[in-house]
PDB file of all heavy atoms in Angstrom:
ATOM      1  N   ILE A   1     -16.198  79.260 -33.793  1.00  0.00           N
ATOM      2  CA  ILE A   1     -15.406  79.104 -35.014  1.00  0.00           C
ATOM      3  C   ILE A   1     -16.312  79.062 -36.138  1.00  0.00           C
ATOM      4  O   ILE A   1     -16.943  77.992 -36.400  1.00  0.00           O
ATOM      5  CB  ILE A   1     -14.583  77.896 -34.899  1.00  0.00           C
ATOM      6  CG1 ILE A   1     -13.731  77.801 -33.659  1.00  0.00           C
ATOM      7  CG2 ILE A   1     -13.645  77.781 -36.217  1.00  0.00           C
ATOM      8  CD1 ILE A   1     -12.671  78.947 -33.558  1.00  0.00           C
ATOM      9  N   THR A   2     -16.591  80.148 -36.908  1.00  0.00           N
ATOM     10  CA  THR A   2     -17.567  80.226 -37.842  1.00  0.00           C
ATOM     11  C   THR A   2     -17.152  79.820 -39.190  1.00  0.00           C
ATOM     12  O   THR A   2     -17.936  79.974 -40.234  1.00  0.00           O
ATOM     13  CB  THR A   2     -18.197  81.666 -37.906  1.00  0.00           C
ATOM     14  OG1 THR A   2     -17.115  82.547 -38.261  1.00  0.00           O
ATOM     15  CG2 THR A   2     -18.837  81.967 -36.507  1.00  0.00           C
ATOM     16  N   ASP A   3     -15.972  79.304 -39.395  1.00  0.00           N
ATOM     17  CA  ASP A   3     -15.532  78.855 -40.750  1.00  0.00           C
ATOM     18  C   ASP A   3     -15.088  77.436 -40.576  1.00  0.00           C
ATOM     19  O   ASP A   3     -14.326  77.064 -39.693  1.00  0.00           O
ATOM     20  CB  ASP A   3     -14.241  79.768 -41.235  1.00  0.00           C
ATOM     21  CG  ASP A   3     -13.761  79.325 -42.613  1.00  0.00           C
ATOM     22  OD1 ASP A   3     -14.270  79.672 -43.574  1.00  0.00           O
ATOM     23  OD2 ASP A   3     -12.808  78.555 -42.523  1.00  0.00           O
ATOM     24  N   GLU A   4     -15.622  76.709 -41.537  1.00  0.00           N
ATOM     25  CA  GLU A   4     -15.412  75.129 -41.480  1.00  0.00           C
ATOM     26  C   GLU A   4     -13.926  74.878 -41.537  1.00  0.00           C
ATOM     27  O   GLU A   4     -13.378  73.922 -40.728  1.00  0.00           O
ATOM     28  CB  GLU A   4     -16.143  74.602 -42.582  1.00  0.00           C
ATOM     29  CG  GLU A   4     -16.160  73.087 -42.525  1.00  0.00           C
ATOM     30  CD  GLU A   4     -17.200  72.339 -43.394  1.00  0.00           C
ATOM     31  OE1 GLU A   4     -18.327  72.775 -43.551  1.00  0.00           O
ATOM     32  OE2 GLU A   4     -16.755  71.455 -44.046  1.00  0.00           O
ATOM     33  N   GLU A   5     -13.142  75.478 -42.360  1.00  0.00           N
ATOM     34  CA  GLU A   5     -11.758  75.206 -42.466  1.00  0.00           C
ATOM     35  C   GLU A   5     -10.942  75.548 -41.284  1.00  0.00           C
ATOM     36  O   GLU A   5      -9.975  74.882 -40.867  1.00  0.00           O
ATOM     37  CB  GLU A   5     -11.161  75.899 -43.769  1.00  0.00           C
ATOM     38  CG  GLU A   5     -11.547  75.416 -45.083  1.00  0.00           C
ATOM     39  CD  GLU A   5     -11.219  73.951 -45.155  1.00  0.00           C
ATOM     40  OE1 GLU A   5      -9.948  73.609 -44.913  1.00  0.00           O
ATOM     41  OE2 GLU A   5     -12.055  73.079 -45.588  1.00  0.00           O
ATOM     42  N   GLU A   6     -11.360  76.623 -40.504  1.00  0.00           N
ATOM     43  CA  GLU A   6     -10.726  76.986 -39.330  1.00  0.00           C
ATOM     44  C   GLU A   6     -11.098  75.953 -38.277  1.00  0.00           C
ATOM     45  O   GLU A   6     -10.281  75.791 -37.350  1.00  0.00           O
ATOM     46  CB  GLU A   6     -11.162  78.485 -38.926  1.00  0.00           C
ATOM     47  CG  GLU A   6     -10.487  79.458 -39.848  1.00  0.00           C
ATOM     48  CD  GLU A   6     -10.656  80.879 -39.249  1.00  0.00           C
ATOM     49  OE1 GLU A   6     -11.531  81.051 -38.376  1.00  0.00           O
ATOM     50  OE2 GLU A   6      -9.888  81.771 -39.633  1.00  0.00           O
ATOM     51  N   LEU A   7     -12.237  75.450 -38.200  1.00  0.00           N
ATOM     52  CA  LEU A   7     -12.688  74.435 -37.205  1.00  0.00           C
ATOM     53  C   LEU A   7     -11.830  73.178 -37.418  1.00  0.00           C
ATOM     54  O   LEU A   7     -11.326  72.629 -36.469  1.00  0.00           O
ATOM     55  CB  LEU A   7     -14.220  74.088 -37.312  1.00  0.00           C
ATOM     56  CG  LEU A   7     -14.752  73.072 -36.278  1.00  0.00           C
ATOM     57  CD1 LEU A   7     -14.494  73.720 -34.899  1.00  0.00           C
ATOM     58  CD2 LEU A   7     -16.177  72.904 -36.611  1.00  0.00           C
ATOM     59  N   LEU A   8     -11.545  72.850 -38.770  1.00  0.00           N
ATOM     60  CA  LEU A   8     -10.702  71.752 -38.972  1.00  0.00           C
ATOM     61  C   LEU A   8      -9.384  72.049 -38.524  1.00  0.00           C
ATOM     62  O   LEU A   8      -8.620  71.148 -38.029  1.00  0.00           O
ATOM     63  CB  LEU A   8     -10.728  71.519 -40.539  1.00  0.00           C
ATOM     64  CG  LEU A   8      -9.733  70.354 -40.989  1.00  0.00           C
ATOM     65  CD1 LEU A   8     -10.086  69.080 -40.381  1.00  0.00           C
ATOM     66  CD2 LEU A   8      -9.744  70.317 -42.521  1.00  0.00           C
ATOM     67  N   LYS A   9      -8.860  73.317 -38.608  1.00  0.00           N
ATOM     68  CA  LYS A   9      -7.543  73.644 -38.170  1.00  0.00           C
ATOM     69  C   LYS A   9      -7.552  73.347 -36.570  1.00  0.00           C
ATOM     70  O   LYS A   9      -6.449  72.801 -36.140  1.00  0.00           O
ATOM     71  CB  LYS A   9      -7.243  75.029 -38.456  1.00  0.00           C
ATOM     72  CG  LYS A   9      -5.846  75.517 -38.119  1.00  0.00           C
ATOM     73  CD  LYS A   9      -5.604  76.950 -38.609  1.00  0.00           C
ATOM     74  CE  LYS A   9      -4.205  77.443 -38.316  1.00  0.00           C
ATOM     75  NZ  LYS A   9      -4.020  78.836 -38.779  1.00  0.00           N
ATOM     76  N   VAL A  10      -8.550  73.743 -35.901  1.00  0.00           N
ATOM     77  CA  VAL A  10      -8.566  73.552 -34.518  1.00  0.00           C
ATOM     78  C   VAL A  10      -8.399  71.957 -34.221  1.00  0.00           C
ATOM     79  O   VAL A  10      -7.712  71.609 -33.218  1.00  0.00           O
ATOM     80  CB  VAL A  10      -9.791  74.098 -33.841  1.00  0.00           C
ATOM     81  CG1 VAL A  10      -9.869  73.835 -32.371  1.00  0.00           C
ATOM     82  CG2 VAL A  10      -9.880  75.659 -33.971  1.00  0.00           C
ATOM     83  N   PHE A  11      -9.202  71.280 -34.873  1.00  0.00           N
ATOM     84  CA  PHE A  11      -9.328  69.801 -34.655  1.00  0.00           C
ATOM     85  C   PHE A  11      -7.995  69.141 -34.902  1.00  0.00           C
ATOM     86  O   PHE A  11      -7.450  68.251 -34.310  1.00  0.00           O
ATOM     87  CB  PHE A  11     -10.326  69.084 -35.487  1.00  0.00           C
ATOM     88  CG  PHE A  11     -11.669  69.311 -35.065  1.00  0.00           C
ATOM     89  CD1 PHE A  11     -12.099  70.133 -33.963  1.00  0.00           C
ATOM     90  CD2 PHE A  11     -12.848  68.821 -35.795  1.00  0.00           C
ATOM     91  CE1 PHE A  11     -13.327  70.289 -33.521  1.00  0.00           C
ATOM     92  CE2 PHE A  11     -14.104  68.985 -35.365  1.00  0.00           C
ATOM     93  CZ  PHE A  11     -14.384  69.774 -34.264  1.00  0.00           C
ATOM     94  N   LYS A  12      -7.290  69.746 -35.898  1.00  0.00           N
ATOM     95  CA  LYS A  12      -5.899  69.146 -36.225  1.00  0.00           C
ATOM     96  C   LYS A  12      -4.851  69.569 -35.147  1.00  0.00           C
ATOM     97  O   LYS A  12      -3.982  68.690 -34.764  1.00  0.00           O
ATOM     98  CB  LYS A  12      -5.343  69.702 -37.536  1.00  0.00           C
ATOM     99  CG  LYS A  12      -6.147  69.084 -38.778  1.00  0.00           C
ATOM    100  CD  LYS A  12      -5.468  69.640 -40.130  1.00  0.00           C
ATOM    101  CE  LYS A  12      -6.119  68.977 -41.298  1.00  0.00           C
ATOM    102  NZ  LYS A  12      -5.557  69.529 -42.520  1.00  0.00           N
ATOM    103  N   LEU A  13      -5.027  70.729 -34.499  1.00  0.00           N
ATOM    104  CA  LEU A  13      -4.131  70.987 -33.391  1.00  0.00           C
ATOM    105  C   LEU A  13      -4.340  70.150 -32.174  1.00  0.00           C
ATOM    106  O   LEU A  13      -3.582  69.693 -31.396  1.00  0.00           O
ATOM    107  CB  LEU A  13      -4.294  72.526 -33.013  1.00  0.00           C
ATOM    108  CG  LEU A  13      -3.790  73.494 -33.985  1.00  0.00           C
ATOM    109  CD1 LEU A  13      -4.107  74.858 -33.695  1.00  0.00           C
ATOM    110  CD2 LEU A  13      -2.127  73.486 -33.947  1.00  0.00           C
ATOM    111  N   VAL A  14      -5.753  69.842 -31.909  1.00  0.00           N
ATOM    112  CA  VAL A  14      -6.165  68.968 -30.959  1.00  0.00           C
ATOM    113  C   VAL A  14      -5.542  67.546 -31.225  1.00  0.00           C
ATOM    114  O   VAL A  14      -4.929  66.951 -30.184  1.00  0.00           O
ATOM    115  CB  VAL A  14      -7.731  68.887 -30.903  1.00  0.00           C
ATOM    116  CG1 VAL A  14      -8.155  67.687 -29.934  1.00  0.00           C
ATOM    117  CG2 VAL A  14      -8.344  70.227 -30.289  1.00  0.00           C
ATOM    118  N   ASP A  15      -5.638  67.123 -32.324  1.00  0.00           N
ATOM    119  CA  ASP A  15      -4.990  65.801 -32.747  1.00  0.00           C
ATOM    120  C   ASP A  15      -3.540  65.821 -32.367  1.00  0.00           C
ATOM    121  O   ASP A  15      -2.888  64.871 -32.007  1.00  0.00           O
ATOM    122  CB  ASP A  15      -5.253  65.547 -34.149  1.00  0.00           C
ATOM    123  CG  ASP A  15      -4.533  64.296 -34.759  1.00  0.00           C
ATOM    124  OD1 ASP A  15      -4.963  63.212 -34.365  1.00  0.00           O
ATOM    125  OD2 ASP A  15      -3.574  64.445 -35.556  1.00  0.00           O
ATOM    126  N   ASN A  16      -2.914  66.889 -32.745  1.00  0.00           N
ATOM    127  CA  ASN A  16      -1.404  67.017 -32.562  1.00  0.00           C
ATOM    128  C   ASN A  16      -0.958  66.937 -31.038  1.00  0.00           C
ATOM    129  O   ASN A  16       0.070  66.381 -30.780  1.00  0.00           O
ATOM    130  CB  ASN A  16      -0.943  68.380 -33.135  1.00  0.00           C
ATOM    131  CG  ASN A  16       0.581  68.454 -33.296  1.00  0.00           C
ATOM    132  OD1 ASN A  16       1.109  67.547 -33.758  1.00  0.00           O
ATOM    133  ND2 ASN A  16       1.166  69.561 -32.701  1.00  0.00           N
ATOM    134  N   TYR A  17      -1.894  67.495 -30.173  1.00  0.00           N
ATOM    135  CA  TYR A  17      -1.516  67.668 -28.719  1.00  0.00           C
ATOM    136  C   TYR A  17      -2.063  66.620 -27.857  1.00  0.00           C
ATOM    137  O   TYR A  17      -1.932  66.607 -26.702  1.00  0.00           O
ATOM    138  CB  TYR A  17      -1.759  69.049 -28.363  1.00  0.00           C
ATOM    139  CG  TYR A  17      -0.819  70.055 -28.909  1.00  0.00           C
ATOM    140  CD1 TYR A  17      -1.245  70.979 -29.628  1.00  0.00           C
ATOM    141  CD2 TYR A  17       0.634  70.030 -28.463  1.00  0.00           C
ATOM    142  CE1 TYR A  17      -0.330  71.955 -30.306  1.00  0.00           C
ATOM    143  CE2 TYR A  17       1.448  70.944 -28.925  1.00  0.00           C
ATOM    144  CZ  TYR A  17       1.044  71.870 -29.884  1.00  0.00           C
ATOM    145  OH  TYR A  17       1.959  72.875 -30.512  1.00  0.00           O
ATOM    146  N   LEU A  18      -2.903  65.699 -28.386  1.00  0.00           N
ATOM    147  CA  LEU A  18      -3.489  64.588 -27.590  1.00  0.00           C
ATOM    148  C   LEU A  18      -2.552  63.516 -27.462  1.00  0.00           C
ATOM    149  O   LEU A  18      -2.006  62.946 -28.483  1.00  0.00           O
ATOM    150  CB  LEU A  18      -4.712  64.103 -28.270  1.00  0.00           C
ATOM    151  CG  LEU A  18      -6.114  64.769 -27.701  1.00  0.00           C
ATOM    152  CD1 LEU A  18      -7.368  64.127 -28.387  1.00  0.00           C
ATOM    153  CD2 LEU A  18      -6.319  64.664 -26.129  1.00  0.00           C
ATOM    154  N   HIS A  19      -2.427  62.943 -26.234  1.00  0.00           N
ATOM    155  CA  HIS A  19      -1.661  61.744 -26.025  1.00  0.00           C
ATOM    156  C   HIS A  19      -2.385  60.610 -26.726  1.00  0.00           C
ATOM    157  O   HIS A  19      -3.602  60.625 -26.820  1.00  0.00           O
ATOM    158  CB  HIS A  19      -1.637  61.599 -24.497  1.00  0.00           C
ATOM    159  CG  HIS A  19      -0.585  60.492 -24.228  1.00  0.00           C
ATOM    160  ND1 HIS A  19       0.700  60.697 -24.042  1.00  0.00           N
ATOM    161  CD2 HIS A  19      -0.776  59.206 -23.747  1.00  0.00           C
ATOM    162  CE1 HIS A  19       1.472  59.625 -23.788  1.00  0.00           C
ATOM    163  NE2 HIS A  19       0.447  58.603 -23.526  1.00  0.00           N
ATOM    164  N   PRO A  20      -1.638  59.501 -27.260  1.00  0.00           N
ATOM    165  CA  PRO A  20      -2.202  58.488 -27.818  1.00  0.00           C
ATOM    166  C   PRO A  20      -3.402  57.807 -26.973  1.00  0.00           C
ATOM    167  O   PRO A  20      -3.182  57.647 -25.736  1.00  0.00           O
ATOM    168  CB  PRO A  20      -1.108  57.391 -27.992  1.00  0.00           C
ATOM    169  CG  PRO A  20       0.057  58.307 -28.238  1.00  0.00           C
ATOM    170  CD  PRO A  20      -0.113  59.446 -27.198  1.00  0.00           C
ATOM    171  N   LYS A  21      -4.446  57.649 -27.592  1.00  0.00           N
ATOM    172  CA  LYS A  21      -5.800  57.125 -26.952  1.00  0.00           C
ATOM    173  C   LYS A  21      -6.488  58.295 -26.023  1.00  0.00           C
ATOM    174  O   LYS A  21      -7.337  57.890 -25.326  1.00  0.00           O
ATOM    175  CB  LYS A  21      -5.570  55.852 -26.190  1.00  0.00           C
ATOM    176  CG  LYS A  21      -5.026  54.737 -27.031  1.00  0.00           C
ATOM    177  CD  LYS A  21      -4.922  53.404 -26.215  1.00  0.00           C
ATOM    178  CE  LYS A  21      -4.493  52.326 -27.098  1.00  0.00           C
ATOM    179  NZ  LYS A  21      -4.336  50.951 -26.353  1.00  0.00           N
ATOM    180  N   GLY A  22      -5.885  59.446 -26.094  1.00  0.00           N
ATOM    181  CA  GLY A  22      -6.445  60.535 -25.377  1.00  0.00           C
ATOM    182  C   GLY A  22      -7.804  60.907 -25.926  1.00  0.00           C
ATOM    183  O   GLY A  22      -8.164  60.575 -27.100  1.00  0.00           O
ATOM    184  N   LEU A  23      -8.629  61.628 -25.078  1.00  0.00           N
ATOM    185  CA  LEU A  23     -10.061  61.996 -25.599  1.00  0.00           C
ATOM    186  C   LEU A  23     -10.105  63.501 -25.809  1.00  0.00           C
ATOM    187  O   LEU A  23      -9.593  64.269 -25.175  1.00  0.00           O
ATOM    188  CB  LEU A  23     -11.068  61.601 -24.560  1.00  0.00           C
ATOM    189  CG  LEU A  23     -11.253  60.043 -24.341  1.00  0.00           C
ATOM    190  CD1 LEU A  23     -12.362  59.948 -23.329  1.00  0.00           C
ATOM    191  CD2 LEU A  23     -11.624  59.324 -25.660  1.00  0.00           C
ATOM    192  N   PHE A  24     -10.917  63.858 -26.854  1.00  0.00           N
ATOM    193  CA  PHE A  24     -11.312  65.256 -27.053  1.00  0.00           C
ATOM    194  C   PHE A  24     -12.830  65.152 -26.906  1.00  0.00           C
ATOM    195  O   PHE A  24     -13.648  64.565 -27.575  1.00  0.00           O
ATOM    196  CB  PHE A  24     -11.025  65.511 -28.578  1.00  0.00           C
ATOM    197  CG  PHE A  24     -11.466  66.920 -28.971  1.00  0.00           C
ATOM    198  CD1 PHE A  24     -11.429  67.938 -28.010  1.00  0.00           C
ATOM    199  CD2 PHE A  24     -11.752  67.184 -30.348  1.00  0.00           C
ATOM    200  CE1 PHE A  24     -11.782  69.254 -28.541  1.00  0.00           C
ATOM    201  CE2 PHE A  24     -12.221  68.367 -30.729  1.00  0.00           C
ATOM    202  CZ  PHE A  24     -12.159  69.436 -29.847  1.00  0.00           C
ATOM    203  N   ILE A  25     -13.243  65.987 -25.822  1.00  0.00           N
ATOM    204  CA  ILE A  25     -14.600  66.137 -25.507  1.00  0.00           C
ATOM    205  C   ILE A  25     -15.091  67.561 -25.605  1.00  0.00           C
ATOM    206  O   ILE A  25     -14.505  68.454 -24.992  1.00  0.00           O
ATOM    207  CB  ILE A  25     -14.847  65.556 -24.013  1.00  0.00           C
ATOM    208  CG1 ILE A  25     -14.465  64.185 -23.862  1.00  0.00           C
ATOM    209  CG2 ILE A  25     -16.347  65.793 -23.627  1.00  0.00           C
ATOM    210  CD1 ILE A  25     -14.414  63.716 -22.340  1.00  0.00           C
ATOM    211  N   PHE A  26     -16.074  67.868 -26.404  1.00  0.00           N
ATOM    212  CA  PHE A  26     -16.577  69.197 -26.503  1.00  0.00           C
ATOM    213  C   PHE A  26     -18.134  69.114 -26.729  1.00  0.00           C
ATOM    214  O   PHE A  26     -18.809  68.138 -27.111  1.00  0.00           O
ATOM    215  CB  PHE A  26     -15.875  69.824 -27.715  1.00  0.00           C
ATOM    216  CG  PHE A  26     -16.006  69.142 -29.089  1.00  0.00           C
ATOM    217  CD1 PHE A  26     -17.055  69.712 -29.949  1.00  0.00           C
ATOM    218  CD2 PHE A  26     -15.286  68.104 -29.525  1.00  0.00           C
ATOM    219  CE1 PHE A  26     -17.277  69.049 -31.240  1.00  0.00           C
ATOM    220  CE2 PHE A  26     -15.363  67.452 -30.736  1.00  0.00           C
ATOM    221  CZ  PHE A  26     -16.518  67.934 -31.648  1.00  0.00           C
ATOM    222  N   ASP A  27     -18.719  70.383 -26.499  1.00  0.00           N
ATOM    223  CA  ASP A  27     -20.130  70.526 -26.736  1.00  0.00           C
ATOM    224  C   ASP A  27     -20.440  71.589 -27.770  1.00  0.00           C
ATOM    225  O   ASP A  27     -19.462  72.437 -28.039  1.00  0.00           O
ATOM    226  CB  ASP A  27     -20.824  70.931 -25.410  1.00  0.00           C
ATOM    227  CG  ASP A  27     -20.531  72.263 -24.875  1.00  0.00           C
ATOM    228  OD1 ASP A  27     -20.895  73.189 -25.534  1.00  0.00           O
ATOM    229  OD2 ASP A  27     -19.890  72.309 -23.892  1.00  0.00           O
ATOM    230  N   MET A  28     -21.494  71.645 -28.327  1.00  0.00           N
ATOM    231  CA  MET A  28     -21.885  72.589 -29.292  1.00  0.00           C
ATOM    232  C   MET A  28     -23.442  72.870 -29.179  1.00  0.00           C
ATOM    233  O   MET A  28     -24.167  71.927 -28.962  1.00  0.00           O
ATOM    234  CB  MET A  28     -21.678  72.113 -30.741  1.00  0.00           C
ATOM    235  CG  MET A  28     -20.256  72.197 -31.208  1.00  0.00           C
ATOM    236  SD  MET A  28     -20.112  71.854 -32.949  1.00  0.00           S
ATOM    237  CE  MET A  28     -18.627  72.760 -33.404  1.00  0.00           C
ATOM    238  N   ASN A  29     -23.774  74.187 -29.452  1.00  0.00           N
ATOM    239  CA  ASN A  29     -25.169  74.480 -29.439  1.00  0.00           C
ATOM    240  C   ASN A  29     -25.671  73.967 -30.950  1.00  0.00           C
ATOM    241  O   ASN A  29     -24.956  73.971 -31.894  1.00  0.00           O
ATOM    242  CB  ASN A  29     -25.445  75.966 -29.519  1.00  0.00           C
ATOM    243  CG  ASN A  29     -25.398  76.515 -28.161  1.00  0.00           C
ATOM    244  OD1 ASN A  29     -25.722  75.858 -27.129  1.00  0.00           O
ATOM    245  ND2 ASN A  29     -24.957  77.768 -27.907  1.00  0.00           N
ATOM    246  N   THR A  30     -27.008  73.544 -31.033  1.00  0.00           N
ATOM    247  CA  THR A  30     -27.511  73.016 -32.194  1.00  0.00           C
ATOM    248  C   THR A  30     -28.237  74.007 -33.010  1.00  0.00           C
ATOM    249  O   THR A  30     -28.632  75.073 -32.513  1.00  0.00           O
ATOM    250  CB  THR A  30     -28.518  71.841 -31.874  1.00  0.00           C
ATOM    251  OG1 THR A  30     -29.578  72.492 -31.231  1.00  0.00           O
ATOM    252  CG2 THR A  30     -27.825  70.820 -31.078  1.00  0.00           C
ATOM    253  N   GLU A  31     -28.444  73.749 -34.335  1.00  0.00           N
ATOM    254  CA  GLU A  31     -29.332  74.686 -35.059  1.00  0.00           C
ATOM    255  C   GLU A  31     -30.720  74.790 -34.477  1.00  0.00           C
ATOM    256  O   GLU A  31     -31.304  75.915 -34.551  1.00  0.00           O
ATOM    257  CB  GLU A  31     -29.300  74.224 -36.557  1.00  0.00           C
ATOM    258  CG  GLU A  31     -30.141  75.214 -37.489  1.00  0.00           C
ATOM    259  CD  GLU A  31     -30.079  74.812 -38.890  1.00  0.00           C
ATOM    260  OE1 GLU A  31     -29.726  73.656 -39.314  1.00  0.00           O
ATOM    261  OE2 GLU A  31     -30.300  75.731 -39.637  1.00  0.00           O
ATOM    262  N   TYR A  32     -31.256  73.714 -33.966  1.00  0.00           N
ATOM    263  CA  TYR A  32     -32.528  73.800 -33.393  1.00  0.00           C
ATOM    264  C   TYR A  32     -32.598  74.875 -32.286  1.00  0.00           C
ATOM    265  O   TYR A  32     -33.657  75.659 -32.298  1.00  0.00           O
ATOM    266  CB  TYR A  32     -32.927  72.414 -32.792  1.00  0.00           C
ATOM    267  CG  TYR A  32     -34.194  72.468 -31.999  1.00  0.00           C
ATOM    268  CD1 TYR A  32     -35.414  72.263 -32.646  1.00  0.00           C
ATOM    269  CD2 TYR A  32     -34.376  72.751 -30.721  1.00  0.00           C
ATOM    270  CE1 TYR A  32     -36.609  72.265 -31.969  1.00  0.00           C
ATOM    271  CE2 TYR A  32     -35.472  72.834 -29.972  1.00  0.00           C
ATOM    272  CZ  TYR A  32     -36.686  72.613 -30.749  1.00  0.00           C
ATOM    273  OH  TYR A  32     -37.853  72.727 -30.055  1.00  0.00           O
ATOM    274  N   LYS A  33     -31.586  74.917 -31.478  1.00  0.00           N
ATOM    275  CA  LYS A  33     -31.628  75.978 -30.390  1.00  0.00           C
ATOM    276  C   LYS A  33     -31.433  77.388 -31.023  1.00  0.00           C
ATOM    277  O   LYS A  33     -32.279  78.238 -30.539  1.00  0.00           O
ATOM    278  CB  LYS A  33     -30.306  75.728 -29.596  1.00  0.00           C
ATOM    279  CG  LYS A  33     -30.202  76.678 -28.315  1.00  0.00           C
ATOM    280  CD  LYS A  33     -29.106  76.234 -27.459  1.00  0.00           C
ATOM    281  CE  LYS A  33     -29.071  77.103 -26.228  1.00  0.00           C
ATOM    282  NZ  LYS A  33     -27.913  76.643 -25.320  1.00  0.00           N
ATOM    283  N   PHE A  34     -30.668  77.562 -32.072  1.00  0.00           N
ATOM    284  CA  PHE A  34     -30.550  78.907 -32.618  1.00  0.00           C
ATOM    285  C   PHE A  34     -31.832  79.316 -33.341  1.00  0.00           C
ATOM    286  O   PHE A  34     -32.282  80.436 -33.165  1.00  0.00           O
ATOM    287  CB  PHE A  34     -29.317  78.911 -33.634  1.00  0.00           C
ATOM    288  CG  PHE A  34     -27.993  78.756 -33.062  1.00  0.00           C
ATOM    289  CD1 PHE A  34     -27.118  78.100 -33.653  1.00  0.00           C
ATOM    290  CD2 PHE A  34     -27.703  79.436 -31.894  1.00  0.00           C
ATOM    291  CE1 PHE A  34     -25.776  77.916 -33.117  1.00  0.00           C
ATOM    292  CE2 PHE A  34     -26.308  79.305 -31.281  1.00  0.00           C
ATOM    293  CZ  PHE A  34     -25.465  78.639 -31.998  1.00  0.00           C
TER     294      PHE A  34
END
């Protein structure tokens, strides 16, 4: 997801579909790696 606003959109959907106290776990490559 190369656009910050679109990444926020993904996060909002995650928020919408997570059960209360549910967890969102994700990984990302770092700028150091790139």
